[in-house]
Amino acid sequence: MDEVLKDLIKAGDEAAAAVLAEPGLHRPRRPTWTCADDGEDWPCSRLRAHLLTTTDRRGIDLVMGAHAHNAASELGLPSSAVHQRFYSWHRYDDLRRPPGGPW
């Protein structure tokens, strides 16, 4: 089990950990941070779509947060680019938010 999954389970987010543990999931290829399955920048569009339909916002934040720090240091990205790539794609998607959520 990799460190990201261990951290998610320790944080009490078994649902997010289960999403990452699924076989065939689009995982990052390091240190280039491209998808090992389709070559897109990671997180790729297929993984983002999968996470949006299977995981809540907190779980997505945990999954992305577990990778963002490493990607920033390995790619030499400024914090604004890290935010755009790892967080902004799901933060303001009003269509998927459940009613009454802490948004």
N, C-alpha and C. Protein backbone atom coordinates (compact mmCIF):
# COMPACT_ATOMS: atom_id res chain seq x y z
N MET A 1 0.85 -1.18 0.00
CA MET A 1 0.00 0.00 0.00
C MET A 1 0.90 1.24 0.00
N ASP A 2 0.64 2.16 -0.91
CA ASP A 2 1.51 3.32 -0.97
C ASP A 2 1.18 4.33 0.15
N GLU A 3 2.07 5.30 0.31
CA GLU A 3 1.95 6.26 1.41
C GLU A 3 0.68 7.11 1.32
N VAL A 4 0.25 7.45 0.11
CA VAL A 4 -0.96 8.26 -0.05
C VAL A 4 -2.16 7.51 0.50
N LEU A 5 -2.29 6.23 0.18
CA LEU A 5 -3.41 5.46 0.69
C LEU A 5 -3.35 5.35 2.20
N LYS A 6 -2.17 5.13 2.74
CA LYS A 6 -2.02 5.06 4.21
C LYS A 6 -2.46 6.36 4.86
N ASP A 7 -2.05 7.48 4.28
CA ASP A 7 -2.42 8.79 4.84
C ASP A 7 -3.92 9.01 4.79
N LEU A 8 -4.56 8.62 3.69
CA LEU A 8 -6.00 8.81 3.58
C LEU A 8 -6.75 7.95 4.59
N ILE A 9 -6.30 6.72 4.77
CA ILE A 9 -6.95 5.85 5.74
C ILE A 9 -6.75 6.39 7.15
N LYS A 10 -5.54 6.86 7.44
CA LYS A 10 -5.25 7.44 8.75
C LYS A 10 -6.12 8.67 9.01
N ALA A 11 -6.39 9.44 7.94
CA ALA A 11 -7.22 10.64 8.07
C ALA A 11 -8.70 10.29 8.18
N GLY A 12 -9.03 9.01 8.08
CA GLY A 12 -10.41 8.59 8.23
C GLY A 12 -11.21 8.66 6.95
N ASP A 13 -10.53 8.77 5.81
CA ASP A 13 -11.26 8.85 4.55
C ASP A 13 -11.06 7.57 3.74
N GLU A 14 -11.73 6.52 4.19
CA GLU A 14 -11.63 5.24 3.51
C GLU A 14 -12.22 5.30 2.11
N ALA A 15 -13.23 6.16 1.90
CA ALA A 15 -13.86 6.27 0.58
C ALA A 15 -12.85 6.80 -0.44
N ALA A 16 -12.11 7.85 -0.07
CA ALA A 16 -11.11 8.41 -0.98
C ALA A 16 -9.98 7.41 -1.20
N ALA A 17 -9.59 6.70 -0.15
CA ALA A 17 -8.55 5.69 -0.29
C ALA A 17 -9.00 4.57 -1.22
N ALA A 18 -10.27 4.18 -1.13
CA ALA A 18 -10.79 3.12 -1.99
C ALA A 18 -10.77 3.55 -3.45
N VAL A 19 -11.07 4.83 -3.71
CA VAL A 19 -11.03 5.32 -5.09
C VAL A 19 -9.63 5.18 -5.66
N LEU A 20 -8.63 5.55 -4.89
CA LEU A 20 -7.25 5.47 -5.38
C LEU A 20 -6.75 4.04 -5.48
N ALA A 21 -7.34 3.14 -4.72
CA ALA A 21 -6.88 1.75 -4.72
C ALA A 21 -7.48 0.91 -5.84
N GLU A 22 -8.46 1.46 -6.55
CA GLU A 22 -9.11 0.71 -7.62
C GLU A 22 -8.12 0.33 -8.70
N PRO A 23 -8.18 -0.92 -9.17
CA PRO A 23 -7.28 -1.33 -10.25
C PRO A 23 -7.60 -0.58 -11.53
N GLY A 24 -6.59 -0.27 -12.31
CA GLY A 24 -6.78 0.42 -13.57
C GLY A 24 -7.00 1.91 -13.44
N LEU A 25 -6.89 2.43 -12.21
CA LEU A 25 -7.09 3.86 -12.01
C LEU A 25 -5.92 4.63 -12.63
N HIS A 26 -6.20 5.77 -13.14
CA HIS A 26 -5.19 6.61 -13.78
C HIS A 26 -4.29 7.23 -12.72
N ARG A 27 -3.14 6.64 -12.53
CA ARG A 27 -2.18 7.08 -11.52
C ARG A 27 -1.10 7.98 -12.13
N PRO A 28 -0.47 8.82 -11.30
CA PRO A 28 0.57 9.70 -11.83
C PRO A 28 1.88 8.95 -12.10
N ARG A 29 2.52 9.35 -13.18
CA ARG A 29 3.87 8.88 -13.49
C ARG A 29 4.81 9.98 -13.02
N ARG A 30 5.66 9.61 -12.08
CA ARG A 30 6.58 10.59 -11.51
C ARG A 30 7.97 10.37 -12.08
N PRO A 31 8.73 11.41 -12.23
CA PRO A 31 8.55 12.79 -11.76
C PRO A 31 7.90 13.72 -12.77
N THR A 32 7.40 13.18 -13.89
CA THR A 32 6.81 14.06 -14.91
C THR A 32 5.37 14.46 -14.59
N TRP A 33 4.73 13.75 -13.69
CA TRP A 33 3.35 14.00 -13.30
C TRP A 33 2.41 14.00 -14.50
N THR A 34 2.59 12.97 -15.32
CA THR A 34 1.64 12.68 -16.39
C THR A 34 0.92 11.39 -16.01
N CYS A 35 -0.23 11.16 -16.61
CA CYS A 35 -1.00 9.96 -16.31
C CYS A 35 -0.30 8.75 -16.91
N ALA A 36 -0.14 7.71 -16.12
CA ALA A 36 0.51 6.49 -16.59
C ALA A 36 -0.33 5.77 -17.64
N ASP A 37 -1.62 6.06 -17.70
CA ASP A 37 -2.50 5.36 -18.65
C ASP A 37 -2.72 6.12 -19.95
N ASP A 38 -2.86 7.44 -19.88
CA ASP A 38 -3.19 8.15 -21.12
C ASP A 38 -2.22 9.28 -21.47
N GLY A 39 -1.24 9.57 -20.63
CA GLY A 39 -0.22 10.55 -20.95
C GLY A 39 -0.60 12.00 -20.70
N GLU A 40 -1.85 12.28 -20.30
CA GLU A 40 -2.26 13.66 -19.99
C GLU A 40 -1.56 14.13 -18.72
N ASP A 41 -1.54 15.45 -18.53
CA ASP A 41 -1.09 15.97 -17.24
C ASP A 41 -1.98 15.37 -16.17
N TRP A 42 -1.35 14.99 -15.05
CA TRP A 42 -2.10 14.38 -13.96
C TRP A 42 -2.52 15.45 -12.96
N PRO A 43 -3.76 15.45 -12.48
CA PRO A 43 -4.81 14.47 -12.68
C PRO A 43 -5.45 14.61 -14.06
N CYS A 44 -5.55 13.50 -14.76
CA CYS A 44 -6.08 13.51 -16.13
C CYS A 44 -7.60 13.68 -16.11
N SER A 45 -8.16 13.95 -17.27
CA SER A 45 -9.61 14.20 -17.37
C SER A 45 -10.43 12.98 -16.95
N ARG A 46 -9.95 11.78 -17.24
CA ARG A 46 -10.71 10.59 -16.84
C ARG A 46 -10.71 10.41 -15.33
N LEU A 47 -9.59 10.65 -14.69
CA LEU A 47 -9.56 10.54 -13.23
C LEU A 47 -10.43 11.62 -12.60
N ARG A 48 -10.36 12.85 -13.12
CA ARG A 48 -11.20 13.93 -12.58
C ARG A 48 -12.67 13.56 -12.69
N ALA A 49 -13.09 13.04 -13.83
CA ALA A 49 -14.49 12.64 -14.01
C ALA A 49 -14.86 11.53 -13.03
N HIS A 50 -13.97 10.58 -12.86
CA HIS A 50 -14.22 9.48 -11.93
C HIS A 50 -14.37 10.00 -10.50
N LEU A 51 -13.47 10.87 -10.08
CA LEU A 51 -13.53 11.40 -8.72
C LEU A 51 -14.79 12.22 -8.50
N LEU A 52 -15.20 13.00 -9.49
CA LEU A 52 -16.40 13.82 -9.35
C LEU A 52 -17.66 12.98 -9.17
N THR A 53 -17.67 11.77 -9.70
CA THR A 53 -18.86 10.94 -9.61
C THR A 53 -18.80 9.93 -8.46
N THR A 54 -17.64 9.77 -7.83
CA THR A 54 -17.52 8.74 -6.79
C THR A 54 -17.09 9.27 -5.43
N THR A 55 -16.64 10.51 -5.37
CA THR A 55 -16.03 11.03 -4.15
C THR A 55 -16.56 12.42 -3.86
N ASP A 56 -16.73 12.73 -2.57
CA ASP A 56 -17.18 14.08 -2.23
C ASP A 56 -16.00 15.06 -2.26
N ARG A 57 -16.31 16.33 -2.08
CA ARG A 57 -15.29 17.37 -2.20
C ARG A 57 -14.15 17.18 -1.20
N ARG A 58 -14.49 16.79 0.02
CA ARG A 58 -13.46 16.56 1.04
C ARG A 58 -12.52 15.44 0.60
N GLY A 59 -13.09 14.37 0.07
CA GLY A 59 -12.27 13.26 -0.40
C GLY A 59 -11.37 13.67 -1.55
N ILE A 60 -11.92 14.46 -2.48
CA ILE A 60 -11.11 14.94 -3.60
C ILE A 60 -9.97 15.82 -3.08
N ASP A 61 -10.27 16.70 -2.13
CA ASP A 61 -9.22 17.54 -1.55
C ASP A 61 -8.12 16.69 -0.91
N LEU A 62 -8.51 15.63 -0.21
CA LEU A 62 -7.52 14.75 0.41
C LEU A 62 -6.66 14.05 -0.64
N VAL A 63 -7.30 13.55 -1.68
CA VAL A 63 -6.57 12.86 -2.75
C VAL A 63 -5.60 13.83 -3.42
N MET A 64 -6.09 15.00 -3.80
CA MET A 64 -5.24 15.96 -4.49
C MET A 64 -4.16 16.52 -3.57
N GLY A 65 -4.53 16.80 -2.32
CA GLY A 65 -3.56 17.33 -1.38
C GLY A 65 -2.43 16.37 -1.10
N ALA A 66 -2.74 15.08 -1.13
CA ALA A 66 -1.72 14.08 -0.89
C ALA A 66 -0.65 14.09 -1.99
N HIS A 67 -1.01 14.59 -3.16
CA HIS A 67 -0.07 14.60 -4.28
C HIS A 67 0.48 15.98 -4.61
N ALA A 68 -0.24 17.04 -4.30
CA ALA A 68 0.12 18.39 -4.75
C ALA A 68 1.50 18.82 -4.28
N HIS A 69 1.84 18.56 -3.03
CA HIS A 69 3.14 18.99 -2.50
C HIS A 69 4.29 18.33 -3.26
N ASN A 70 4.18 17.03 -3.46
CA ASN A 70 5.24 16.32 -4.19
C ASN A 70 5.36 16.81 -5.62
N ALA A 71 4.23 17.00 -6.27
CA ALA A 71 4.25 17.48 -7.65
C ALA A 71 4.88 18.86 -7.75
N ALA A 72 4.54 19.74 -6.80
CA ALA A 72 5.09 21.09 -6.82
C ALA A 72 6.61 21.06 -6.74
N SER A 73 7.13 20.25 -5.83
CA SER A 73 8.59 20.21 -5.68
C SER A 73 9.26 19.50 -6.85
N GLU A 74 8.65 18.45 -7.37
CA GLU A 74 9.27 17.70 -8.47
C GLU A 74 9.19 18.46 -9.80
N LEU A 75 8.13 19.23 -9.99
CA LEU A 75 7.96 19.97 -11.23
C LEU A 75 8.46 21.41 -11.13
N GLY A 76 8.72 21.88 -9.91
CA GLY A 76 9.15 23.26 -9.73
C GLY A 76 8.06 24.26 -10.04
N LEU A 77 6.82 23.92 -9.74
CA LEU A 77 5.69 24.79 -10.05
C LEU A 77 5.44 25.81 -8.94
N PRO A 78 5.03 27.03 -9.31
CA PRO A 78 4.61 27.99 -8.30
C PRO A 78 3.26 27.56 -7.69
N SER A 79 2.95 28.08 -6.52
CA SER A 79 1.73 27.66 -5.83
C SER A 79 0.47 27.91 -6.65
N SER A 80 0.44 28.98 -7.45
CA SER A 80 -0.75 29.25 -8.27
C SER A 80 -0.96 28.16 -9.32
N ALA A 81 0.10 27.66 -9.90
CA ALA A 81 -0.02 26.59 -10.90
C ALA A 81 -0.44 25.27 -10.24
N VAL A 82 0.06 25.02 -9.03
CA VAL A 82 -0.34 23.82 -8.30
C VAL A 82 -1.83 23.88 -7.97
N HIS A 83 -2.28 25.03 -7.50
CA HIS A 83 -3.70 25.20 -7.18
C HIS A 83 -4.56 24.97 -8.42
N GLN A 84 -4.18 25.58 -9.51
CA GLN A 84 -4.96 25.43 -10.75
C GLN A 84 -5.04 23.97 -11.18
N ARG A 85 -3.94 23.28 -11.13
CA ARG A 85 -3.89 21.90 -11.63
C ARG A 85 -4.55 20.89 -10.69
N PHE A 86 -4.40 21.07 -9.38
CA PHE A 86 -4.85 20.05 -8.45
C PHE A 86 -6.16 20.37 -7.74
N TYR A 87 -6.55 21.63 -7.67
CA TYR A 87 -7.74 21.97 -6.89
C TYR A 87 -8.84 22.68 -7.66
N SER A 88 -8.50 23.60 -8.54
CA SER A 88 -9.54 24.46 -9.12
C SER A 88 -10.53 23.72 -10.00
N TRP A 89 -10.18 22.58 -10.53
CA TRP A 89 -11.09 21.85 -11.42
C TRP A 89 -12.33 21.33 -10.71
N HIS A 90 -12.31 21.22 -9.40
CA HIS A 90 -13.51 20.72 -8.71
C HIS A 90 -14.06 21.70 -7.68
N ARG A 91 -13.35 22.72 -7.34
CA ARG A 91 -13.75 23.61 -6.27
C ARG A 91 -15.03 24.37 -6.53
N TYR A 92 -15.26 24.77 -7.76
CA TYR A 92 -16.38 25.67 -8.03
C TYR A 92 -17.42 25.04 -8.94
N ASP A 93 -17.51 23.74 -8.89
CA ASP A 93 -18.47 23.03 -9.73
C ASP A 93 -19.80 22.92 -8.97
N ASP A 94 -20.64 23.92 -9.11
CA ASP A 94 -21.90 23.97 -8.37
C ASP A 94 -22.85 22.84 -8.76
N LEU A 95 -22.70 22.28 -9.93
CA LEU A 95 -23.62 21.24 -10.38
C LEU A 95 -23.49 19.95 -9.59
N ARG A 96 -22.33 19.67 -9.00
CA ARG A 96 -22.13 18.40 -8.31
C ARG A 96 -22.25 18.53 -6.80
N ARG A 97 -22.42 19.72 -6.31
CA ARG A 97 -22.49 19.91 -4.86
C ARG A 97 -23.84 19.48 -4.31
N PRO A 98 -23.84 18.68 -3.25
CA PRO A 98 -25.11 18.32 -2.63
C PRO A 98 -25.72 19.50 -1.91
N PRO A 99 -27.05 19.56 -1.84
CA PRO A 99 -27.69 20.67 -1.13
C PRO A 99 -27.29 20.69 0.34
N GLY A 100 -27.12 21.86 0.87
CA GLY A 100 -26.82 22.00 2.29
C GLY A 100 -25.38 21.71 2.67
N GLY A 101 -24.52 21.52 1.68
CA GLY A 101 -23.10 21.23 1.97
C GLY A 101 -22.38 22.46 2.49
N PRO A 102 -21.22 22.27 3.06
CA PRO A 102 -20.46 23.40 3.62
C PRO A 102 -19.67 24.13 2.54
N TRP A 103 -20.36 24.66 1.54
CA TRP A 103 -19.67 25.29 0.43
C TRP A 103 -19.72 26.77 0.61
